[in-house]
């Protein structure tokens, strides 16, 4: 967001079997 640092939202492993999310989303 403007004036803020880049923050993590979501991610997925190469196989698609594992995911992670920021608490906010």
PDBML (XML) file of the C-alpha atoms, coordinates in Angstrom:
<?xml version="1.0" encoding="UTF-8" ?>
<PDBx:datablock datablockName="MODEL"
   xmlns:PDBx="http://pdbml.pdb.org/schema/pdbx-v50.xsd"
   xmlns:xsi="http://www.w3.org/2001/XMLSchema-instance"
   xsi:schemaLocation="http://pdbml.pdb.org/schema/pdbx-v50.xsd pdbx-v50.xsd">
   <PDBx:atom_siteCategory>
      <PDBx:atom_site id="1">
         <PDBx:B_iso_or_equiv>0.00</PDBx:B_iso_or_equiv>
         <PDBx:Cartn_x>0.000</PDBx:Cartn_x>
         <PDBx:Cartn_y>0.000</PDBx:Cartn_y>
         <PDBx:Cartn_z>0.000</PDBx:Cartn_z>
         <PDBx:auth_asym_id>A</PDBx:auth_asym_id>
         <PDBx:auth_atom_id>CA</PDBx:auth_atom_id>
         <PDBx:auth_comp_id>UNK</PDBx:auth_comp_id>
         <PDBx:auth_seq_id>1</PDBx:auth_seq_id>
         <PDBx:group_PDB>ATOM</PDBx:group_PDB>
         <PDBx:label_alt_id xsi:nil="true" />
         <PDBx:label_asym_id>A</PDBx:label_asym_id>
         <PDBx:label_atom_id>CA</PDBx:label_atom_id>
         <PDBx:label_comp_id>UNK</PDBx:label_comp_id>
         <PDBx:label_entity_id>1</PDBx:label_entity_id>
         <PDBx:label_seq_id>1</PDBx:label_seq_id>
         <PDBx:occupancy>1.00</PDBx:occupancy>
         <PDBx:pdbx_PDB_model_num>1</PDBx:pdbx_PDB_model_num>
         <PDBx:type_symbol>C</PDBx:type_symbol>
      </PDBx:atom_site>
      <PDBx:atom_site id="2">
         <PDBx:B_iso_or_equiv>0.00</PDBx:B_iso_or_equiv>
         <PDBx:Cartn_x>1.152</PDBx:Cartn_x>
         <PDBx:Cartn_y>3.612</PDBx:Cartn_y>
         <PDBx:Cartn_z>-0.469</PDBx:Cartn_z>
         <PDBx:auth_asym_id>A</PDBx:auth_asym_id>
         <PDBx:auth_atom_id>CA</PDBx:auth_atom_id>
         <PDBx:auth_comp_id>UNK</PDBx:auth_comp_id>
         <PDBx:auth_seq_id>2</PDBx:auth_seq_id>
         <PDBx:group_PDB>ATOM</PDBx:group_PDB>
         <PDBx:label_alt_id xsi:nil="true" />
         <PDBx:label_asym_id>A</PDBx:label_asym_id>
         <PDBx:label_atom_id>CA</PDBx:label_atom_id>
         <PDBx:label_comp_id>UNK</PDBx:label_comp_id>
         <PDBx:label_entity_id>1</PDBx:label_entity_id>
         <PDBx:label_seq_id>2</PDBx:label_seq_id>
         <PDBx:occupancy>1.00</PDBx:occupancy>
         <PDBx:pdbx_PDB_model_num>1</PDBx:pdbx_PDB_model_num>
         <PDBx:type_symbol>C</PDBx:type_symbol>
      </PDBx:atom_site>
      <PDBx:atom_site id="3">
         <PDBx:B_iso_or_equiv>0.00</PDBx:B_iso_or_equiv>
         <PDBx:Cartn_x>3.709</PDBx:Cartn_x>
         <PDBx:Cartn_y>4.576</PDBx:Cartn_y>
         <PDBx:Cartn_z>2.154</PDBx:Cartn_z>
         <PDBx:auth_asym_id>A</PDBx:auth_asym_id>
         <PDBx:auth_atom_id>CA</PDBx:auth_atom_id>
         <PDBx:auth_comp_id>UNK</PDBx:auth_comp_id>
         <PDBx:auth_seq_id>3</PDBx:auth_seq_id>
         <PDBx:group_PDB>ATOM</PDBx:group_PDB>
         <PDBx:label_alt_id xsi:nil="true" />
         <PDBx:label_asym_id>A</PDBx:label_asym_id>
         <PDBx:label_atom_id>CA</PDBx:label_atom_id>
         <PDBx:label_comp_id>UNK</PDBx:label_comp_id>
         <PDBx:label_entity_id>1</PDBx:label_entity_id>
         <PDBx:label_seq_id>3</PDBx:label_seq_id>
         <PDBx:occupancy>1.00</PDBx:occupancy>
         <PDBx:pdbx_PDB_model_num>1</PDBx:pdbx_PDB_model_num>
         <PDBx:type_symbol>C</PDBx:type_symbol>
      </PDBx:atom_site>
      <PDBx:atom_site id="4">
         <PDBx:B_iso_or_equiv>0.00</PDBx:B_iso_or_equiv>
         <PDBx:Cartn_x>3.928</PDBx:Cartn_x>
         <PDBx:Cartn_y>1.047</PDBx:Cartn_y>
         <PDBx:Cartn_z>3.548</PDBx:Cartn_z>
         <PDBx:auth_asym_id>A</PDBx:auth_asym_id>
         <PDBx:auth_atom_id>CA</PDBx:auth_atom_id>
         <PDBx:auth_comp_id>UNK</PDBx:auth_comp_id>
         <PDBx:auth_seq_id>4</PDBx:auth_seq_id>
         <PDBx:group_PDB>ATOM</PDBx:group_PDB>
         <PDBx:label_alt_id xsi:nil="true" />
         <PDBx:label_asym_id>A</PDBx:label_asym_id>
         <PDBx:label_atom_id>CA</PDBx:label_atom_id>
         <PDBx:label_comp_id>UNK</PDBx:label_comp_id>
         <PDBx:label_entity_id>1</PDBx:label_entity_id>
         <PDBx:label_seq_id>4</PDBx:label_seq_id>
         <PDBx:occupancy>1.00</PDBx:occupancy>
         <PDBx:pdbx_PDB_model_num>1</PDBx:pdbx_PDB_model_num>
         <PDBx:type_symbol>C</PDBx:type_symbol>
      </PDBx:atom_site>
      <PDBx:atom_site id="5">
         <PDBx:B_iso_or_equiv>0.00</PDBx:B_iso_or_equiv>
         <PDBx:Cartn_x>6.324</PDBx:Cartn_x>
         <PDBx:Cartn_y>-1.849</PDBx:Cartn_y>
         <PDBx:Cartn_z>3.231</PDBx:Cartn_z>
         <PDBx:auth_asym_id>A</PDBx:auth_asym_id>
         <PDBx:auth_atom_id>CA</PDBx:auth_atom_id>
         <PDBx:auth_comp_id>UNK</PDBx:auth_comp_id>
         <PDBx:auth_seq_id>5</PDBx:auth_seq_id>
         <PDBx:group_PDB>ATOM</PDBx:group_PDB>
         <PDBx:label_alt_id xsi:nil="true" />
         <PDBx:label_asym_id>A</PDBx:label_asym_id>
         <PDBx:label_atom_id>CA</PDBx:label_atom_id>
         <PDBx:label_comp_id>UNK</PDBx:label_comp_id>
         <PDBx:label_entity_id>1</PDBx:label_entity_id>
         <PDBx:label_seq_id>5</PDBx:label_seq_id>
         <PDBx:occupancy>1.00</PDBx:occupancy>
         <PDBx:pdbx_PDB_model_num>1</PDBx:pdbx_PDB_model_num>
         <PDBx:type_symbol>C</PDBx:type_symbol>
      </PDBx:atom_site>
      <PDBx:atom_site id="6">
         <PDBx:B_iso_or_equiv>0.00</PDBx:B_iso_or_equiv>
         <PDBx:Cartn_x>5.598</PDBx:Cartn_x>
         <PDBx:Cartn_y>-4.758</PDBx:Cartn_y>
         <PDBx:Cartn_z>0.965</PDBx:Cartn_z>
         <PDBx:auth_asym_id>A</PDBx:auth_asym_id>
         <PDBx:auth_atom_id>CA</PDBx:auth_atom_id>
         <PDBx:auth_comp_id>UNK</PDBx:auth_comp_id>
         <PDBx:auth_seq_id>6</PDBx:auth_seq_id>
         <PDBx:group_PDB>ATOM</PDBx:group_PDB>
         <PDBx:label_alt_id xsi:nil="true" />
         <PDBx:label_asym_id>A</PDBx:label_asym_id>
         <PDBx:label_atom_id>CA</PDBx:label_atom_id>
         <PDBx:label_comp_id>UNK</PDBx:label_comp_id>
         <PDBx:label_entity_id>1</PDBx:label_entity_id>
         <PDBx:label_seq_id>6</PDBx:label_seq_id>
         <PDBx:occupancy>1.00</PDBx:occupancy>
         <PDBx:pdbx_PDB_model_num>1</PDBx:pdbx_PDB_model_num>
         <PDBx:type_symbol>C</PDBx:type_symbol>
      </PDBx:atom_site>
      <PDBx:atom_site id="7">
         <PDBx:B_iso_or_equiv>0.00</PDBx:B_iso_or_equiv>
         <PDBx:Cartn_x>3.875</PDBx:Cartn_x>
         <PDBx:Cartn_y>-7.435</PDBx:Cartn_y>
         <PDBx:Cartn_z>3.027</PDBx:Cartn_z>
         <PDBx:auth_asym_id>A</PDBx:auth_asym_id>
         <PDBx:auth_atom_id>CA</PDBx:auth_atom_id>
         <PDBx:auth_comp_id>UNK</PDBx:auth_comp_id>
         <PDBx:auth_seq_id>7</PDBx:auth_seq_id>
         <PDBx:group_PDB>ATOM</PDBx:group_PDB>
         <PDBx:label_alt_id xsi:nil="true" />
         <PDBx:label_asym_id>A</PDBx:label_asym_id>
         <PDBx:label_atom_id>CA</PDBx:label_atom_id>
         <PDBx:label_comp_id>UNK</PDBx:label_comp_id>
         <PDBx:label_entity_id>1</PDBx:label_entity_id>
         <PDBx:label_seq_id>7</PDBx:label_seq_id>
         <PDBx:occupancy>1.00</PDBx:occupancy>
         <PDBx:pdbx_PDB_model_num>1</PDBx:pdbx_PDB_model_num>
         <PDBx:type_symbol>C</PDBx:type_symbol>
      </PDBx:atom_site>
      <PDBx:atom_site id="8">
         <PDBx:B_iso_or_equiv>0.00</PDBx:B_iso_or_equiv>
         <PDBx:Cartn_x>3.194</PDBx:Cartn_x>
         <PDBx:Cartn_y>-11.120</PDBx:Cartn_y>
         <PDBx:Cartn_z>2.678</PDBx:Cartn_z>
         <PDBx:auth_asym_id>A</PDBx:auth_asym_id>
         <PDBx:auth_atom_id>CA</PDBx:auth_atom_id>
         <PDBx:auth_comp_id>UNK</PDBx:auth_comp_id>
         <PDBx:auth_seq_id>8</PDBx:auth_seq_id>
         <PDBx:group_PDB>ATOM</PDBx:group_PDB>
         <PDBx:label_alt_id xsi:nil="true" />
         <PDBx:label_asym_id>A</PDBx:label_asym_id>
         <PDBx:label_atom_id>CA</PDBx:label_atom_id>
         <PDBx:label_comp_id>UNK</PDBx:label_comp_id>
         <PDBx:label_entity_id>1</PDBx:label_entity_id>
         <PDBx:label_seq_id>8</PDBx:label_seq_id>
         <PDBx:occupancy>1.00</PDBx:occupancy>
         <PDBx:pdbx_PDB_model_num>1</PDBx:pdbx_PDB_model_num>
         <PDBx:type_symbol>C</PDBx:type_symbol>
      </PDBx:atom_site>
      <PDBx:atom_site id="9">
         <PDBx:B_iso_or_equiv>0.00</PDBx:B_iso_or_equiv>
         <PDBx:Cartn_x>-0.267</PDBx:Cartn_x>
         <PDBx:Cartn_y>-12.223</PDBx:Cartn_y>
         <PDBx:Cartn_z>1.610</PDBx:Cartn_z>
         <PDBx:auth_asym_id>A</PDBx:auth_asym_id>
         <PDBx:auth_atom_id>CA</PDBx:auth_atom_id>
         <PDBx:auth_comp_id>UNK</PDBx:auth_comp_id>
         <PDBx:auth_seq_id>9</PDBx:auth_seq_id>
         <PDBx:group_PDB>ATOM</PDBx:group_PDB>
         <PDBx:label_alt_id xsi:nil="true" />
         <PDBx:label_asym_id>A</PDBx:label_asym_id>
         <PDBx:label_atom_id>CA</PDBx:label_atom_id>
         <PDBx:label_comp_id>UNK</PDBx:label_comp_id>
         <PDBx:label_entity_id>1</PDBx:label_entity_id>
         <PDBx:label_seq_id>9</PDBx:label_seq_id>
         <PDBx:occupancy>1.00</PDBx:occupancy>
         <PDBx:pdbx_PDB_model_num>1</PDBx:pdbx_PDB_model_num>
         <PDBx:type_symbol>C</PDBx:type_symbol>
      </PDBx:atom_site>
      <PDBx:atom_site id="10">
         <PDBx:B_iso_or_equiv>0.00</PDBx:B_iso_or_equiv>
         <PDBx:Cartn_x>-0.202</PDBx:Cartn_x>
         <PDBx:Cartn_y>-15.893</PDBx:Cartn_y>
         <PDBx:Cartn_z>0.612</PDBx:Cartn_z>
         <PDBx:auth_asym_id>A</PDBx:auth_asym_id>
         <PDBx:auth_atom_id>CA</PDBx:auth_atom_id>
         <PDBx:auth_comp_id>UNK</PDBx:auth_comp_id>
         <PDBx:auth_seq_id>10</PDBx:auth_seq_id>
         <PDBx:group_PDB>ATOM</PDBx:group_PDB>
         <PDBx:label_alt_id xsi:nil="true" />
         <PDBx:label_asym_id>A</PDBx:label_asym_id>
         <PDBx:label_atom_id>CA</PDBx:label_atom_id>
         <PDBx:label_comp_id>UNK</PDBx:label_comp_id>
         <PDBx:label_entity_id>1</PDBx:label_entity_id>
         <PDBx:label_seq_id>10</PDBx:label_seq_id>
         <PDBx:occupancy>1.00</PDBx:occupancy>
         <PDBx:pdbx_PDB_model_num>1</PDBx:pdbx_PDB_model_num>
         <PDBx:type_symbol>C</PDBx:type_symbol>
      </PDBx:atom_site>
      <PDBx:atom_site id="11">
         <PDBx:B_iso_or_equiv>0.00</PDBx:B_iso_or_equiv>
         <PDBx:Cartn_x>2.122</PDBx:Cartn_x>
         <PDBx:Cartn_y>-18.580</PDBx:Cartn_y>
         <PDBx:Cartn_z>-0.700</PDBx:Cartn_z>
         <PDBx:auth_asym_id>A</PDBx:auth_asym_id>
         <PDBx:auth_atom_id>CA</PDBx:auth_atom_id>
         <PDBx:auth_comp_id>UNK</PDBx:auth_comp_id>
         <PDBx:auth_seq_id>11</PDBx:auth_seq_id>
         <PDBx:group_PDB>ATOM</PDBx:group_PDB>
         <PDBx:label_alt_id xsi:nil="true" />
         <PDBx:label_asym_id>A</PDBx:label_asym_id>
         <PDBx:label_atom_id>CA</PDBx:label_atom_id>
         <PDBx:label_comp_id>UNK</PDBx:label_comp_id>
         <PDBx:label_entity_id>1</PDBx:label_entity_id>
         <PDBx:label_seq_id>11</PDBx:label_seq_id>
         <PDBx:occupancy>1.00</PDBx:occupancy>
         <PDBx:pdbx_PDB_model_num>1</PDBx:pdbx_PDB_model_num>
         <PDBx:type_symbol>C</PDBx:type_symbol>
      </PDBx:atom_site>
      <PDBx:atom_site id="12">
         <PDBx:B_iso_or_equiv>0.00</PDBx:B_iso_or_equiv>
         <PDBx:Cartn_x>2.055</PDBx:Cartn_x>
         <PDBx:Cartn_y>-22.086</PDBx:Cartn_y>
         <PDBx:Cartn_z>-2.103</PDBx:Cartn_z>
         <PDBx:auth_asym_id>A</PDBx:auth_asym_id>
         <PDBx:auth_atom_id>CA</PDBx:auth_atom_id>
         <PDBx:auth_comp_id>UNK</PDBx:auth_comp_id>
         <PDBx:auth_seq_id>12</PDBx:auth_seq_id>
         <PDBx:group_PDB>ATOM</PDBx:group_PDB>
         <PDBx:label_alt_id xsi:nil="true" />
         <PDBx:label_asym_id>A</PDBx:label_asym_id>
         <PDBx:label_atom_id>CA</PDBx:label_atom_id>
         <PDBx:label_comp_id>UNK</PDBx:label_comp_id>
         <PDBx:label_entity_id>1</PDBx:label_entity_id>
         <PDBx:label_seq_id>12</PDBx:label_seq_id>
         <PDBx:occupancy>1.00</PDBx:occupancy>
         <PDBx:pdbx_PDB_model_num>1</PDBx:pdbx_PDB_model_num>
         <PDBx:type_symbol>C</PDBx:type_symbol>
      </PDBx:atom_site>
      <PDBx:atom_site id="13">
         <PDBx:B_iso_or_equiv>0.00</PDBx:B_iso_or_equiv>
         <PDBx:Cartn_x>4.717</PDBx:Cartn_x>
         <PDBx:Cartn_y>-24.769</PDBx:Cartn_y>
         <PDBx:Cartn_z>-2.411</PDBx:Cartn_z>
         <PDBx:auth_asym_id>A</PDBx:auth_asym_id>
         <PDBx:auth_atom_id>CA</PDBx:auth_atom_id>
         <PDBx:auth_comp_id>UNK</PDBx:auth_comp_id>
         <PDBx:auth_seq_id>13</PDBx:auth_seq_id>
         <PDBx:group_PDB>ATOM</PDBx:group_PDB>
         <PDBx:label_alt_id xsi:nil="true" />
         <PDBx:label_asym_id>A</PDBx:label_asym_id>
         <PDBx:label_atom_id>CA</PDBx:label_atom_id>
         <PDBx:label_comp_id>UNK</PDBx:label_comp_id>
         <PDBx:label_entity_id>1</PDBx:label_entity_id>
         <PDBx:label_seq_id>13</PDBx:label_seq_id>
         <PDBx:occupancy>1.00</PDBx:occupancy>
         <PDBx:pdbx_PDB_model_num>1</PDBx:pdbx_PDB_model_num>
         <PDBx:type_symbol>C</PDBx:type_symbol>
      </PDBx:atom_site>
      <PDBx:atom_site id="14">
         <PDBx:B_iso_or_equiv>0.00</PDBx:B_iso_or_equiv>
         <PDBx:Cartn_x>5.897</PDBx:Cartn_x>
         <PDBx:Cartn_y>-26.092</PDBx:Cartn_y>
         <PDBx:Cartn_z>-5.753</PDBx:Cartn_z>
         <PDBx:auth_asym_id>A</PDBx:auth_asym_id>
         <PDBx:auth_atom_id>CA</PDBx:auth_atom_id>
         <PDBx:auth_comp_id>UNK</PDBx:auth_comp_id>
         <PDBx:auth_seq_id>14</PDBx:auth_seq_id>
         <PDBx:group_PDB>ATOM</PDBx:group_PDB>
         <PDBx:label_alt_id xsi:nil="true" />
         <PDBx:label_asym_id>A</PDBx:label_asym_id>
         <PDBx:label_atom_id>CA</PDBx:label_atom_id>
         <PDBx:label_comp_id>UNK</PDBx:label_comp_id>
         <PDBx:label_entity_id>1</PDBx:label_entity_id>
         <PDBx:label_seq_id>14</PDBx:label_seq_id>
         <PDBx:occupancy>1.00</PDBx:occupancy>
         <PDBx:pdbx_PDB_model_num>1</PDBx:pdbx_PDB_model_num>
         <PDBx:type_symbol>C</PDBx:type_symbol>
      </PDBx:atom_site>
      <PDBx:atom_site id="15">
         <PDBx:B_iso_or_equiv>0.00</PDBx:B_iso_or_equiv>
         <PDBx:Cartn_x>3.569</PDBx:Cartn_x>
         <PDBx:Cartn_y>-29.068</PDBx:Cartn_y>
         <PDBx:Cartn_z>-5.563</PDBx:Cartn_z>
         <PDBx:auth_asym_id>A</PDBx:auth_asym_id>
         <PDBx:auth_atom_id>CA</PDBx:auth_atom_id>
         <PDBx:auth_comp_id>UNK</PDBx:auth_comp_id>
         <PDBx:auth_seq_id>15</PDBx:auth_seq_id>
         <PDBx:group_PDB>ATOM</PDBx:group_PDB>
         <PDBx:label_alt_id xsi:nil="true" />
         <PDBx:label_asym_id>A</PDBx:label_asym_id>
         <PDBx:label_atom_id>CA</PDBx:label_atom_id>
         <PDBx:label_comp_id>UNK</PDBx:label_comp_id>
         <PDBx:label_entity_id>1</PDBx:label_entity_id>
         <PDBx:label_seq_id>15</PDBx:label_seq_id>
         <PDBx:occupancy>1.00</PDBx:occupancy>
         <PDBx:pdbx_PDB_model_num>1</PDBx:pdbx_PDB_model_num>
         <PDBx:type_symbol>C</PDBx:type_symbol>
      </PDBx:atom_site>
      <PDBx:atom_site id="16">
         <PDBx:B_iso_or_equiv>0.00</PDBx:B_iso_or_equiv>
         <PDBx:Cartn_x>0.573</PDBx:Cartn_x>
         <PDBx:Cartn_y>-27.007</PDBx:Cartn_y>
         <PDBx:Cartn_z>-4.518</PDBx:Cartn_z>
         <PDBx:auth_asym_id>A</PDBx:auth_asym_id>
         <PDBx:auth_atom_id>CA</PDBx:auth_atom_id>
         <PDBx:auth_comp_id>UNK</PDBx:auth_comp_id>
         <PDBx:auth_seq_id>16</PDBx:auth_seq_id>
         <PDBx:group_PDB>ATOM</PDBx:group_PDB>
         <PDBx:label_alt_id xsi:nil="true" />
         <PDBx:label_asym_id>A</PDBx:label_asym_id>
         <PDBx:label_atom_id>CA</PDBx:label_atom_id>
         <PDBx:label_comp_id>UNK</PDBx:label_comp_id>
         <PDBx:label_entity_id>1</PDBx:label_entity_id>
         <PDBx:label_seq_id>16</PDBx:label_seq_id>
         <PDBx:occupancy>1.00</PDBx:occupancy>
         <PDBx:pdbx_PDB_model_num>1</PDBx:pdbx_PDB_model_num>
         <PDBx:type_symbol>C</PDBx:type_symbol>
      </PDBx:atom_site>
      <PDBx:atom_site id="17">
         <PDBx:B_iso_or_equiv>0.00</PDBx:B_iso_or_equiv>
         <PDBx:Cartn_x>0.099</PDBx:Cartn_x>
         <PDBx:Cartn_y>-29.233</PDBx:Cartn_y>
         <PDBx:Cartn_z>-1.491</PDBx:Cartn_z>
         <PDBx:auth_asym_id>A</PDBx:auth_asym_id>
         <PDBx:auth_atom_id>CA</PDBx:auth_atom_id>
         <PDBx:auth_comp_id>UNK</PDBx:auth_comp_id>
         <PDBx:auth_seq_id>17</PDBx:auth_seq_id>
         <PDBx:group_PDB>ATOM</PDBx:group_PDB>
         <PDBx:label_alt_id xsi:nil="true" />
         <PDBx:label_asym_id>A</PDBx:label_asym_id>
         <PDBx:label_atom_id>CA</PDBx:label_atom_id>
         <PDBx:label_comp_id>UNK</PDBx:label_comp_id>
         <PDBx:label_entity_id>1</PDBx:label_entity_id>
         <PDBx:label_seq_id>17</PDBx:label_seq_id>
         <PDBx:occupancy>1.00</PDBx:occupancy>
         <PDBx:pdbx_PDB_model_num>1</PDBx:pdbx_PDB_model_num>
         <PDBx:type_symbol>C</PDBx:type_symbol>
      </PDBx:atom_site>
      <PDBx:atom_site id="18">
         <PDBx:B_iso_or_equiv>0.00</PDBx:B_iso_or_equiv>
         <PDBx:Cartn_x>1.110</PDBx:Cartn_x>
         <PDBx:Cartn_y>-26.660</PDBx:Cartn_y>
         <PDBx:Cartn_z>1.125</PDBx:Cartn_z>
         <PDBx:auth_asym_id>A</PDBx:auth_asym_id>
         <PDBx:auth_atom_id>CA</PDBx:auth_atom_id>
         <PDBx:auth_comp_id>UNK</PDBx:auth_comp_id>
         <PDBx:auth_seq_id>18</PDBx:auth_seq_id>
         <PDBx:group_PDB>ATOM</PDBx:group_PDB>
         <PDBx:label_alt_id xsi:nil="true" />
         <PDBx:label_asym_id>A</PDBx:label_asym_id>
         <PDBx:label_atom_id>CA</PDBx:label_atom_id>
         <PDBx:label_comp_id>UNK</PDBx:label_comp_id>
         <PDBx:label_entity_id>1</PDBx:label_entity_id>
         <PDBx:label_seq_id>18</PDBx:label_seq_id>
         <PDBx:occupancy>1.00</PDBx:occupancy>
         <PDBx:pdbx_PDB_model_num>1</PDBx:pdbx_PDB_model_num>
         <PDBx:type_symbol>C</PDBx:type_symbol>
      </PDBx:atom_site>
      <PDBx:atom_site id="19">
         <PDBx:B_iso_or_equiv>0.00</PDBx:B_iso_or_equiv>
         <PDBx:Cartn_x>-0.115</PDBx:Cartn_x>
         <PDBx:Cartn_y>-23.107</PDBx:Cartn_y>
         <PDBx:Cartn_z>1.550</PDBx:Cartn_z>
         <PDBx:auth_asym_id>A</PDBx:auth_asym_id>
         <PDBx:auth_atom_id>CA</PDBx:auth_atom_id>
         <PDBx:auth_comp_id>UNK</PDBx:auth_comp_id>
         <PDBx:auth_seq_id>19</PDBx:auth_seq_id>
         <PDBx:group_PDB>ATOM</PDBx:group_PDB>
         <PDBx:label_alt_id xsi:nil="true" />
         <PDBx:label_asym_id>A</PDBx:label_asym_id>
         <PDBx:label_atom_id>CA</PDBx:label_atom_id>
         <PDBx:label_comp_id>UNK</PDBx:label_comp_id>
         <PDBx:label_entity_id>1</PDBx:label_entity_id>
         <PDBx:label_seq_id>19</PDBx:label_seq_id>
         <PDBx:occupancy>1.00</PDBx:occupancy>
         <PDBx:pdbx_PDB_model_num>1</PDBx:pdbx_PDB_model_num>
         <PDBx:type_symbol>C</PDBx:type_symbol>
      </PDBx:atom_site>
      <PDBx:atom_site id="20">
         <PDBx:B_iso_or_equiv>0.00</PDBx:B_iso_or_equiv>
         <PDBx:Cartn_x>0.334</PDBx:Cartn_x>
         <PDBx:Cartn_y>-20.256</PDBx:Cartn_y>
         <PDBx:Cartn_z>3.979</PDBx:Cartn_z>
         <PDBx:auth_asym_id>A</PDBx:auth_asym_id>
         <PDBx:auth_atom_id>CA</PDBx:auth_atom_id>
         <PDBx:auth_comp_id>UNK</PDBx:auth_comp_id>
         <PDBx:auth_seq_id>20</PDBx:auth_seq_id>
         <PDBx:group_PDB>ATOM</PDBx:group_PDB>
         <PDBx:label_alt_id xsi:nil="true" />
         <PDBx:label_asym_id>A</PDBx:label_asym_id>
         <PDBx:label_atom_id>CA</PDBx:label_atom_id>
         <PDBx:label_comp_id>UNK</PDBx:label_comp_id>
         <PDBx:label_entity_id>1</PDBx:label_entity_id>
         <PDBx:label_seq_id>20</PDBx:label_seq_id>
         <PDBx:occupancy>1.00</PDBx:occupancy>
         <PDBx:pdbx_PDB_model_num>1</PDBx:pdbx_PDB_model_num>
         <PDBx:type_symbol>C</PDBx:type_symbol>
      </PDBx:atom_site>
      <PDBx:atom_site id="21">
         <PDBx:B_iso_or_equiv>0.00</PDBx:B_iso_or_equiv>
         <PDBx:Cartn_x>-1.617</PDBx:Cartn_x>
         <PDBx:Cartn_y>-17.057</PDBx:Cartn_y>
         <PDBx:Cartn_z>4.553</PDBx:Cartn_z>
         <PDBx:auth_asym_id>A</PDBx:auth_asym_id>
         <PDBx:auth_atom_id>CA</PDBx:auth_atom_id>
         <PDBx:auth_comp_id>UNK</PDBx:auth_comp_id>
         <PDBx:auth_seq_id>21</PDBx:auth_seq_id>
         <PDBx:group_PDB>ATOM</PDBx:group_PDB>
         <PDBx:label_alt_id xsi:nil="true" />
         <PDBx:label_asym_id>A</PDBx:label_asym_id>
         <PDBx:label_atom_id>CA</PDBx:label_atom_id>
         <PDBx:label_comp_id>UNK</PDBx:label_comp_id>
         <PDBx:label_entity_id>1</PDBx:label_entity_id>
         <PDBx:label_seq_id>21</PDBx:label_seq_id>
         <PDBx:occupancy>1.00</PDBx:occupancy>
         <PDBx:pdbx_PDB_model_num>1</PDBx:pdbx_PDB_model_num>
         <PDBx:type_symbol>C</PDBx:type_symbol>
      </PDBx:atom_site>
      <PDBx:atom_site id="22">
         <PDBx:B_iso_or_equiv>0.00</PDBx:B_iso_or_equiv>
         <PDBx:Cartn_x>-1.216</PDBx:Cartn_x>
         <PDBx:Cartn_y>-13.832</PDBx:Cartn_y>
         <PDBx:Cartn_z>6.403</PDBx:Cartn_z>
         <PDBx:auth_asym_id>A</PDBx:auth_asym_id>
         <PDBx:auth_atom_id>CA</PDBx:auth_atom_id>
         <PDBx:auth_comp_id>UNK</PDBx:auth_comp_id>
         <PDBx:auth_seq_id>22</PDBx:auth_seq_id>
         <PDBx:group_PDB>ATOM</PDBx:group_PDB>
         <PDBx:label_alt_id xsi:nil="true" />
         <PDBx:label_asym_id>A</PDBx:label_asym_id>
         <PDBx:label_atom_id>CA</PDBx:label_atom_id>
         <PDBx:label_comp_id>UNK</PDBx:label_comp_id>
         <PDBx:label_entity_id>1</PDBx:label_entity_id>
         <PDBx:label_seq_id>22</PDBx:label_seq_id>
         <PDBx:occupancy>1.00</PDBx:occupancy>
         <PDBx:pdbx_PDB_model_num>1</PDBx:pdbx_PDB_model_num>
         <PDBx:type_symbol>C</PDBx:type_symbol>
      </PDBx:atom_site>
      <PDBx:atom_site id="23">
         <PDBx:B_iso_or_equiv>0.00</PDBx:B_iso_or_equiv>
         <PDBx:Cartn_x>-3.554</PDBx:Cartn_x>
         <PDBx:Cartn_y>-13.624</PDBx:Cartn_y>
         <PDBx:Cartn_z>9.377</PDBx:Cartn_z>
         <PDBx:auth_asym_id>A</PDBx:auth_asym_id>
         <PDBx:auth_atom_id>CA</PDBx:auth_atom_id>
         <PDBx:auth_comp_id>UNK</PDBx:auth_comp_id>
         <PDBx:auth_seq_id>23</PDBx:auth_seq_id>
         <PDBx:group_PDB>ATOM</PDBx:group_PDB>
         <PDBx:label_alt_id xsi:nil="true" />
         <PDBx:label_asym_id>A</PDBx:label_asym_id>
         <PDBx:label_atom_id>CA</PDBx:label_atom_id>
         <PDBx:label_comp_id>UNK</PDBx:label_comp_id>
         <PDBx:label_entity_id>1</PDBx:label_entity_id>
         <PDBx:label_seq_id>23</PDBx:label_seq_id>
         <PDBx:occupancy>1.00</PDBx:occupancy>
         <PDBx:pdbx_PDB_model_num>1</PDBx:pdbx_PDB_model_num>
         <PDBx:type_symbol>C</PDBx:type_symbol>
      </PDBx:atom_site>
      <PDBx:atom_site id="24">
         <PDBx:B_iso_or_equiv>0.00</PDBx:B_iso_or_equiv>
         <PDBx:Cartn_x>-5.222</PDBx:Cartn_x>
         <PDBx:Cartn_y>-10.598</PDBx:Cartn_y>
         <PDBx:Cartn_z>7.833</PDBx:Cartn_z>
         <PDBx:auth_asym_id>A</PDBx:auth_asym_id>
         <PDBx:auth_atom_id>CA</PDBx:auth_atom_id>
         <PDBx:auth_comp_id>UNK</PDBx:auth_comp_id>
         <PDBx:auth_seq_id>24</PDBx:auth_seq_id>
         <PDBx:group_PDB>ATOM</PDBx:group_PDB>
         <PDBx:label_alt_id xsi:nil="true" />
         <PDBx:label_asym_id>A</PDBx:label_asym_id>
         <PDBx:label_atom_id>CA</PDBx:label_atom_id>
         <PDBx:label_comp_id>UNK</PDBx:label_comp_id>
         <PDBx:label_entity_id>1</PDBx:label_entity_id>
         <PDBx:label_seq_id>24</PDBx:label_seq_id>
         <PDBx:occupancy>1.00</PDBx:occupancy>
         <PDBx:pdbx_PDB_model_num>1</PDBx:pdbx_PDB_model_num>
         <PDBx:type_symbol>C</PDBx:type_symbol>
      </PDBx:atom_site>
      <PDBx:atom_site id="25">
         <PDBx:B_iso_or_equiv>0.00</PDBx:B_iso_or_equiv>
         <PDBx:Cartn_x>-6.450</PDBx:Cartn_x>
         <PDBx:Cartn_y>-12.573</PDBx:Cartn_y>
         <PDBx:Cartn_z>4.814</PDBx:Cartn_z>
         <PDBx:auth_asym_id>A</PDBx:auth_asym_id>
         <PDBx:auth_atom_id>CA</PDBx:auth_atom_id>
         <PDBx:auth_comp_id>UNK</PDBx:auth_comp_id>
         <PDBx:auth_seq_id>25</PDBx:auth_seq_id>
         <PDBx:group_PDB>ATOM</PDBx:group_PDB>
         <PDBx:label_alt_id xsi:nil="true" />
         <PDBx:label_asym_id>A</PDBx:label_asym_id>
         <PDBx:label_atom_id>CA</PDBx:label_atom_id>
         <PDBx:label_comp_id>UNK</PDBx:label_comp_id>
         <PDBx:label_entity_id>1</PDBx:label_entity_id>
         <PDBx:label_seq_id>25</PDBx:label_seq_id>
         <PDBx:occupancy>1.00</PDBx:occupancy>
         <PDBx:pdbx_PDB_model_num>1</PDBx:pdbx_PDB_model_num>
         <PDBx:type_symbol>C</PDBx:type_symbol>
      </PDBx:atom_site>
   </PDBx:atom_siteCategory>
</PDBx:datablock>
